[in-house]
Amino acid sequence: MSPQTLRSFRHLEGHHVSVSLCDGSRLDDCELVSTGRGVAATLWLHDGQDDRMVKAAEVIDLWEIV
């Protein structure tokens, strides 16, 4: 997923999301802290215990948990 596409998810910052990664794994029910600013091509996720930084190139899909 391109950094520009990730920025389109900025409205989900502060919401709980799931993320599908190119290695076949998923990160479920994480808070989307940030979709990156400027040249940062990363997602900042918090899973309740740990913070995770995920490169935009590793993301296949992202959706809000309802």
PDB file of N, CA and C in Angstrom:
ATOM      1  N   MET A   1       0.860  -1.170   0.000  1.00  0.00           N
ATOM      2  CA  MET A   1       0.000   0.000   0.000  1.00  0.00           C
ATOM      3  C   MET A   1       0.904   1.231   0.000  1.00  0.00           C
ATOM      4  N   SER A   2       0.579   2.174  -0.821  1.00  0.00           N
ATOM      5  CA  SER A   2       1.409   3.370  -0.932  1.00  0.00           C
ATOM      6  C   SER A   2       1.174   4.305   0.256  1.00  0.00           C
ATOM      7  N   PRO A   3       2.157   5.137   0.582  1.00  0.00           N
ATOM      8  CA  PRO A   3       1.969   6.123   1.659  1.00  0.00           C
ATOM      9  C   PRO A   3       0.773   7.033   1.416  1.00  0.00           C
ATOM     10  N   GLN A   4       0.525   7.361   0.145  1.00  0.00           N
ATOM     11  CA  GLN A   4      -0.623   8.217  -0.180  1.00  0.00           C
ATOM     12  C   GLN A   4      -1.933   7.504   0.162  1.00  0.00           C
ATOM     13  N   THR A   5      -2.021   6.220  -0.129  1.00  0.00           N
ATOM     14  CA  THR A   5      -3.222   5.443   0.197  1.00  0.00           C
ATOM     15  C   THR A   5      -3.400   5.378   1.709  1.00  0.00           C
ATOM     16  N   LEU A   6      -2.301   5.167   2.430  1.00  0.00           N
ATOM     17  CA  LEU A   6      -2.394   5.133   3.894  1.00  0.00           C
ATOM     18  C   LEU A   6      -2.921   6.439   4.447  1.00  0.00           C
ATOM     19  N   ARG A   7      -2.505   7.555   3.867  1.00  0.00           N
ATOM     20  CA  ARG A   7      -2.988   8.852   4.343  1.00  0.00           C
ATOM     21  C   ARG A   7      -4.497   8.988   4.160  1.00  0.00           C
ATOM     22  N   SER A   8      -5.054   8.247   3.213  1.00  0.00           N
ATOM     23  CA  SER A   8      -6.501   8.302   3.023  1.00  0.00           C
ATOM     24  C   SER A   8      -7.244   7.676   4.198  1.00  0.00           C
ATOM     25  N   PHE A   9      -6.537   6.927   5.041  1.00  0.00           N
ATOM     26  CA  PHE A   9      -7.130   6.321   6.230  1.00  0.00           C
ATOM     27  C   PHE A   9      -6.956   7.195   7.475  1.00  0.00           C
ATOM     28  N   ARG A  10      -6.476   8.397   7.305  1.00  0.00           N
ATOM     29  CA  ARG A  10      -6.214   9.295   8.434  1.00  0.00           C
ATOM     30  C   ARG A  10      -7.461   9.511   9.297  1.00  0.00           C
ATOM     31  N   HIS A  11      -8.645   9.472   8.684  1.00  0.00           N
ATOM     32  CA  HIS A  11      -9.885   9.679   9.437  1.00  0.00           C
ATOM     33  C   HIS A  11     -10.138   8.546  10.443  1.00  0.00           C
ATOM     34  N   LEU A  12      -9.394   7.436  10.312  1.00  0.00           N
ATOM     35  CA  LEU A  12      -9.547   6.320  11.251  1.00  0.00           C
ATOM     36  C   LEU A  12      -8.576   6.396  12.433  1.00  0.00           C
ATOM     37  N   GLU A  13      -7.724   7.408  12.458  1.00  0.00           N
ATOM     38  CA  GLU A  13      -6.812   7.555  13.597  1.00  0.00           C
ATOM     39  C   GLU A  13      -7.627   7.689  14.878  1.00  0.00           C
ATOM     40  N   GLY A  14      -7.237   6.920  15.899  1.00  0.00           N
ATOM     41  CA  GLY A  14      -7.962   6.902  17.160  1.00  0.00           C
ATOM     42  C   GLY A  14      -9.032   5.822  17.214  1.00  0.00           C
ATOM     43  N   HIS A  15      -9.269   5.154  16.082  1.00  0.00           N
ATOM     44  CA  HIS A  15     -10.260   4.082  16.003  1.00  0.00           C
ATOM     45  C   HIS A  15      -9.561   2.723  16.056  1.00  0.00           C
ATOM     46  N   HIS A  16     -10.355   1.698  16.317  1.00  0.00           N
ATOM     47  CA  HIS A  16      -9.815   0.339  16.308  1.00  0.00           C
ATOM     48  C   HIS A  16      -9.935  -0.232  14.905  1.00  0.00           C
ATOM     49  N   VAL A  17      -8.832  -0.820  14.433  1.00  0.00           N
ATOM     50  CA  VAL A  17      -8.752  -1.340  13.077  1.00  0.00           C
ATOM     51  C   VAL A  17      -8.117  -2.730  13.080  1.00  0.00           C
ATOM     52  N   SER A  18      -8.262  -3.414  11.964  1.00  0.00           N
ATOM     53  CA  SER A  18      -7.501  -4.623  11.675  1.00  0.00           C
ATOM     54  C   SER A  18      -6.685  -4.345  10.425  1.00  0.00           C
ATOM     55  N   VAL A  19      -5.519  -4.973  10.358  1.00  0.00           N
ATOM     56  CA  VAL A  19      -4.602  -4.742   9.251  1.00  0.00           C
ATOM     57  C   VAL A  19      -4.162  -6.091   8.693  1.00  0.00           C
ATOM     58  N   SER A  20      -4.243  -6.237   7.389  1.00  0.00           N
ATOM     59  CA  SER A  20      -3.767  -7.431   6.703  1.00  0.00           C
ATOM     60  C   SER A  20      -2.390  -7.115   6.121  1.00  0.00           C
ATOM     61  N   LEU A  21      -1.416  -8.002   6.375  1.00  0.00           N
ATOM     62  CA  LEU A  21      -0.041  -7.763   5.937  1.00  0.00           C
ATOM     63  C   LEU A  21       0.348  -8.701   4.797  1.00  0.00           C
ATOM     64  N   CYS A  22       1.333  -8.292   4.025  1.00  0.00           N
ATOM     65  CA  CYS A  22       1.736  -9.046   2.836  1.00  0.00           C
ATOM     66  C   CYS A  22       2.328 -10.418   3.166  1.00  0.00           C
ATOM     67  N   ASP A  23       2.752 -10.660   4.399  1.00  0.00           N
ATOM     68  CA  ASP A  23       3.274 -11.985   4.762  1.00  0.00           C
ATOM     69  C   ASP A  23       2.153 -12.958   5.139  1.00  0.00           C
ATOM     70  N   GLY A  24       0.898 -12.514   5.007  1.00  0.00           N
ATOM     71  CA  GLY A  24      -0.244 -13.367   5.306  1.00  0.00           C
ATOM     72  C   GLY A  24      -0.780 -13.219   6.713  1.00  0.00           C
ATOM     73  N   SER A  25      -0.097 -12.459   7.558  1.00  0.00           N
ATOM     74  CA  SER A  25      -0.548 -12.277   8.935  1.00  0.00           C
ATOM     75  C   SER A  25      -1.510 -11.093   9.028  1.00  0.00           C
ATOM     76  N   ARG A  26      -2.184 -11.022  10.171  1.00  0.00           N
ATOM     77  CA  ARG A  26      -3.106  -9.915  10.437  1.00  0.00           C
ATOM     78  C   ARG A  26      -2.855  -9.381  11.832  1.00  0.00           C
ATOM     79  N   LEU A  27      -3.097  -8.104  11.973  1.00  0.00           N
ATOM     80  CA  LEU A  27      -3.090  -7.457  13.280  1.00  0.00           C
ATOM     81  C   LEU A  27      -4.530  -7.041  13.539  1.00  0.00           C
ATOM     82  N   ASP A  28      -5.174  -7.699  14.492  1.00  0.00           N
ATOM     83  CA  ASP A  28      -6.584  -7.458  14.749  1.00  0.00           C
ATOM     84  C   ASP A  28      -6.804  -6.599  15.978  1.00  0.00           C
ATOM     85  N   ASP A  29      -7.826  -5.760  15.903  1.00  0.00           N
ATOM     86  CA  ASP A  29      -8.285  -4.931  17.011  1.00  0.00           C
ATOM     87  C   ASP A  29      -7.159  -4.103  17.632  1.00  0.00           C
ATOM     88  N   CYS A  30      -6.493  -3.332  16.788  1.00  0.00           N
ATOM     89  CA  CYS A  30      -5.450  -2.403  17.228  1.00  0.00           C
ATOM     90  C   CYS A  30      -5.974  -0.981  17.098  1.00  0.00           C
ATOM     91  N   GLU A  31      -5.498  -0.100  17.946  1.00  0.00           N
ATOM     92  CA  GLU A  31      -5.821   1.313  17.776  1.00  0.00           C
ATOM     93  C   GLU A  31      -4.865   1.890  16.749  1.00  0.00           C
ATOM     94  N   LEU A  32      -5.420   2.564  15.746  1.00  0.00           N
ATOM     95  CA  LEU A  32      -4.603   3.250  14.755  1.00  0.00           C
ATOM     96  C   LEU A  32      -4.215   4.602  15.338  1.00  0.00           C
ATOM     97  N   VAL A  33      -2.968   4.726  15.756  1.00  0.00           N
ATOM     98  CA  VAL A  33      -2.493   5.959  16.378  1.00  0.00           C
ATOM     99  C   VAL A  33      -2.164   6.997  15.312  1.00  0.00           C
ATOM    100  N   SER A  34      -1.463   6.564  14.245  1.00  0.00           N
ATOM    101  CA  SER A  34      -1.056   7.509  13.206  1.00  0.00           C
ATOM    102  C   SER A  34      -0.835   6.779  11.884  1.00  0.00           C
ATOM    103  N   THR A  35      -1.158   7.448  10.794  1.00  0.00           N
ATOM    104  CA  THR A  35      -0.880   6.914   9.460  1.00  0.00           C
ATOM    105  C   THR A  35       0.383   7.524   8.870  1.00  0.00           C
ATOM    106  N   GLY A  36       1.140   8.206   9.684  1.00  0.00           N
ATOM    107  CA  GLY A  36       2.391   8.791   9.218  1.00  0.00           C
ATOM    108  C   GLY A  36       2.208  10.205   8.716  1.00  0.00           C
ATOM    109  N   ARG A  37       3.213  10.985   8.871  1.00  0.00           N
ATOM    110  CA  ARG A  37       3.211  12.378   8.411  1.00  0.00           C
ATOM    111  C   ARG A  37       4.477  12.618   7.602  1.00  0.00           C
ATOM    112  N   GLY A  38       4.390  13.481   6.646  1.00  0.00           N
ATOM    113  CA  GLY A  38       5.559  13.818   5.842  1.00  0.00           C
ATOM    114  C   GLY A  38       6.080  12.601   5.100  1.00  0.00           C
ATOM    115  N   VAL A  39       7.356  12.316   5.265  1.00  0.00           N
ATOM    116  CA  VAL A  39       7.973  11.194   4.555  1.00  0.00           C
ATOM    117  C   VAL A  39       7.839   9.872   5.306  1.00  0.00           C
ATOM    118  N   ALA A  40       7.244   9.883   6.493  1.00  0.00           N
ATOM    119  CA  ALA A  40       7.076   8.644   7.261  1.00  0.00           C
ATOM    120  C   ALA A  40       6.037   7.752   6.586  1.00  0.00           C
ATOM    121  N   ALA A  41       6.488   6.638   6.048  1.00  0.00           N
ATOM    122  CA  ALA A  41       5.598   5.708   5.353  1.00  0.00           C
ATOM    123  C   ALA A  41       5.281   4.525   6.259  1.00  0.00           C
ATOM    124  N   THR A  42       4.740   4.855   7.443  1.00  0.00           N
ATOM    125  CA  THR A  42       4.456   3.812   8.419  1.00  0.00           C
ATOM    126  C   THR A  42       3.103   4.032   9.075  1.00  0.00           C
ATOM    127  N   LEU A  43       2.561   2.925   9.596  1.00  0.00           N
ATOM    128  CA  LEU A  43       1.400   2.971  10.472  1.00  0.00           C
ATOM    129  C   LEU A  43       1.905   2.808  11.896  1.00  0.00           C
ATOM    130  N   TRP A  44       1.361   3.575  12.798  1.00  0.00           N
ATOM    131  CA  TRP A  44       1.650   3.412  14.214  1.00  0.00           C
ATOM    132  C   TRP A  44       0.407   2.799  14.827  1.00  0.00           C
ATOM    133  N   LEU A  45       0.547   1.585  15.346  1.00  0.00           N
ATOM    134  CA  LEU A  45      -0.564   0.845  15.924  1.00  0.00           C
ATOM    135  C   LEU A  45      -0.281   0.549  17.389  1.00  0.00           C
ATOM    136  N   HIS A  46      -1.336   0.497  18.184  1.00  0.00           N
ATOM    137  CA  HIS A  46      -1.215   0.107  19.587  1.00  0.00           C
ATOM    138  C   HIS A  46      -2.186  -1.039  19.826  1.00  0.00           C
ATOM    139  N   ASP A  47      -1.670  -2.175  20.327  1.00  0.00           N
ATOM    140  CA  ASP A  47      -2.509  -3.361  20.494  1.00  0.00           C
ATOM    141  C   ASP A  47      -2.995  -3.576  21.924  1.00  0.00           C
ATOM    142  N   GLY A  48      -2.915  -2.551  22.757  1.00  0.00           N
ATOM    143  CA  GLY A  48      -3.354  -2.671  24.137  1.00  0.00           C
ATOM    144  C   GLY A  48      -2.187  -2.849  25.092  1.00  0.00           C
ATOM    145  N   GLN A  49      -1.080  -3.389  24.591  1.00  0.00           N
ATOM    146  CA  GLN A  49       0.111  -3.572  25.413  1.00  0.00           C
ATOM    147  C   GLN A  49       1.348  -2.937  24.778  1.00  0.00           C
ATOM    148  N   ASP A  50       1.474  -3.094  23.486  1.00  0.00           N
ATOM    149  CA  ASP A  50       2.680  -2.645  22.788  1.00  0.00           C
ATOM    150  C   ASP A  50       2.343  -1.718  21.635  1.00  0.00           C
ATOM    151  N   ASP A  51       3.302  -0.861  21.301  1.00  0.00           N
ATOM    152  CA  ASP A  51       3.219  -0.038  20.100  1.00  0.00           C
ATOM    153  C   ASP A  51       3.926  -0.789  18.979  1.00  0.00           C
ATOM    154  N   ARG A  52       3.370  -0.697  17.776  1.00  0.00           N
ATOM    155  CA  ARG A  52       3.977  -1.332  16.612  1.00  0.00           C
ATOM    156  C   ARG A  52       4.046  -0.326  15.481  1.00  0.00           C
ATOM    157  N   MET A  53       5.162  -0.325  14.795  1.00  0.00           N
ATOM    158  CA  MET A  53       5.328   0.487  13.598  1.00  0.00           C
ATOM    159  C   MET A  53       5.351  -0.484  12.418  1.00  0.00           C
ATOM    160  N   VAL A  54       4.467  -0.264  11.456  1.00  0.00           N
ATOM    161  CA  VAL A  54       4.349  -1.152  10.299  1.00  0.00           C
ATOM    162  C   VAL A  54       4.608  -0.337   9.044  1.00  0.00           C
ATOM    163  N   LYS A  55       5.513  -0.810   8.207  1.00  0.00           N
ATOM    164  CA  LYS A  55       5.817  -0.111   6.954  1.00  0.00           C
ATOM    165  C   LYS A  55       4.634  -0.179   6.002  1.00  0.00           C
ATOM    166  N   ALA A  56       4.409   0.901   5.296  1.00  0.00           N
ATOM    167  CA  ALA A  56       3.297   0.976   4.334  1.00  0.00           C
ATOM    168  C   ALA A  56       3.401  -0.124   3.288  1.00  0.00           C
ATOM    169  N   ALA A  57       4.604  -0.463   2.884  1.00  0.00           N
ATOM    170  CA  ALA A  57       4.809  -1.485   1.861  1.00  0.00           C
ATOM    171  C   ALA A  57       4.359  -2.863   2.325  1.00  0.00           C
ATOM    172  N   GLU A  58       4.221  -3.068   3.630  1.00  0.00           N
ATOM    173  CA  GLU A  58       3.819  -4.370   4.169  1.00  0.00           C
ATOM    174  C   GLU A  58       2.302  -4.503   4.300  1.00  0.00           C
ATOM    175  N   VAL A  59       1.566  -3.403   4.126  1.00  0.00           N
ATOM    176  CA  VAL A  59       0.119  -3.396   4.348  1.00  0.00           C
ATOM    177  C   VAL A  59      -0.626  -3.709   3.051  1.00  0.00           C
ATOM    178  N   ILE A  60      -1.507  -4.699   3.126  1.00  0.00           N
ATOM    179  CA  ILE A  60      -2.370  -5.039   1.987  1.00  0.00           C
ATOM    180  C   ILE A  60      -3.722  -4.366   2.139  1.00  0.00           C
ATOM    181  N   ASP A  61      -4.286  -4.419   3.355  1.00  0.00           N
ATOM    182  CA  ASP A  61      -5.609  -3.859   3.576  1.00  0.00           C
ATOM    183  C   ASP A  61      -5.718  -3.377   5.020  1.00  0.00           C
ATOM    184  N   LEU A  62      -6.623  -2.447   5.242  1.00  0.00           N
ATOM    185  CA  LEU A  62      -6.873  -1.886   6.561  1.00  0.00           C
ATOM    186  C   LEU A  62      -8.362  -1.590   6.653  1.00  0.00           C
ATOM    187  N   TRP A  63      -8.998  -1.987   7.759  1.00  0.00           N
ATOM    188  CA  TRP A  63     -10.421  -1.719   7.913  1.00  0.00           C
ATOM    189  C   TRP A  63     -10.763  -1.468   9.373  1.00  0.00           C
ATOM    190  N   GLU A  64     -11.828  -0.702   9.564  1.00  0.00           N
ATOM    191  CA  GLU A  64     -12.269  -0.355  10.916  1.00  0.00           C
ATOM    192  C   GLU A  64     -13.048  -1.506  11.528  1.00  0.00           C
ATOM    193  N   ILE A  65     -12.821  -1.730  12.828  1.00  0.00           N
ATOM    194  CA  ILE A  65     -13.573  -2.728  13.588  1.00  0.00           C
ATOM    195  C   ILE A  65     -14.835  -2.030  14.087  1.00  0.00           C
ATOM    196  N   VAL A  66     -15.987  -2.621  13.805  1.00  0.00           N
ATOM    197  CA  VAL A  66     -17.258  -2.047  14.261  1.00  0.00           C
ATOM    198  C   VAL A  66     -17.900  -2.908  15.309  1.00  0.00           C
TER     199      VAL A  66
END
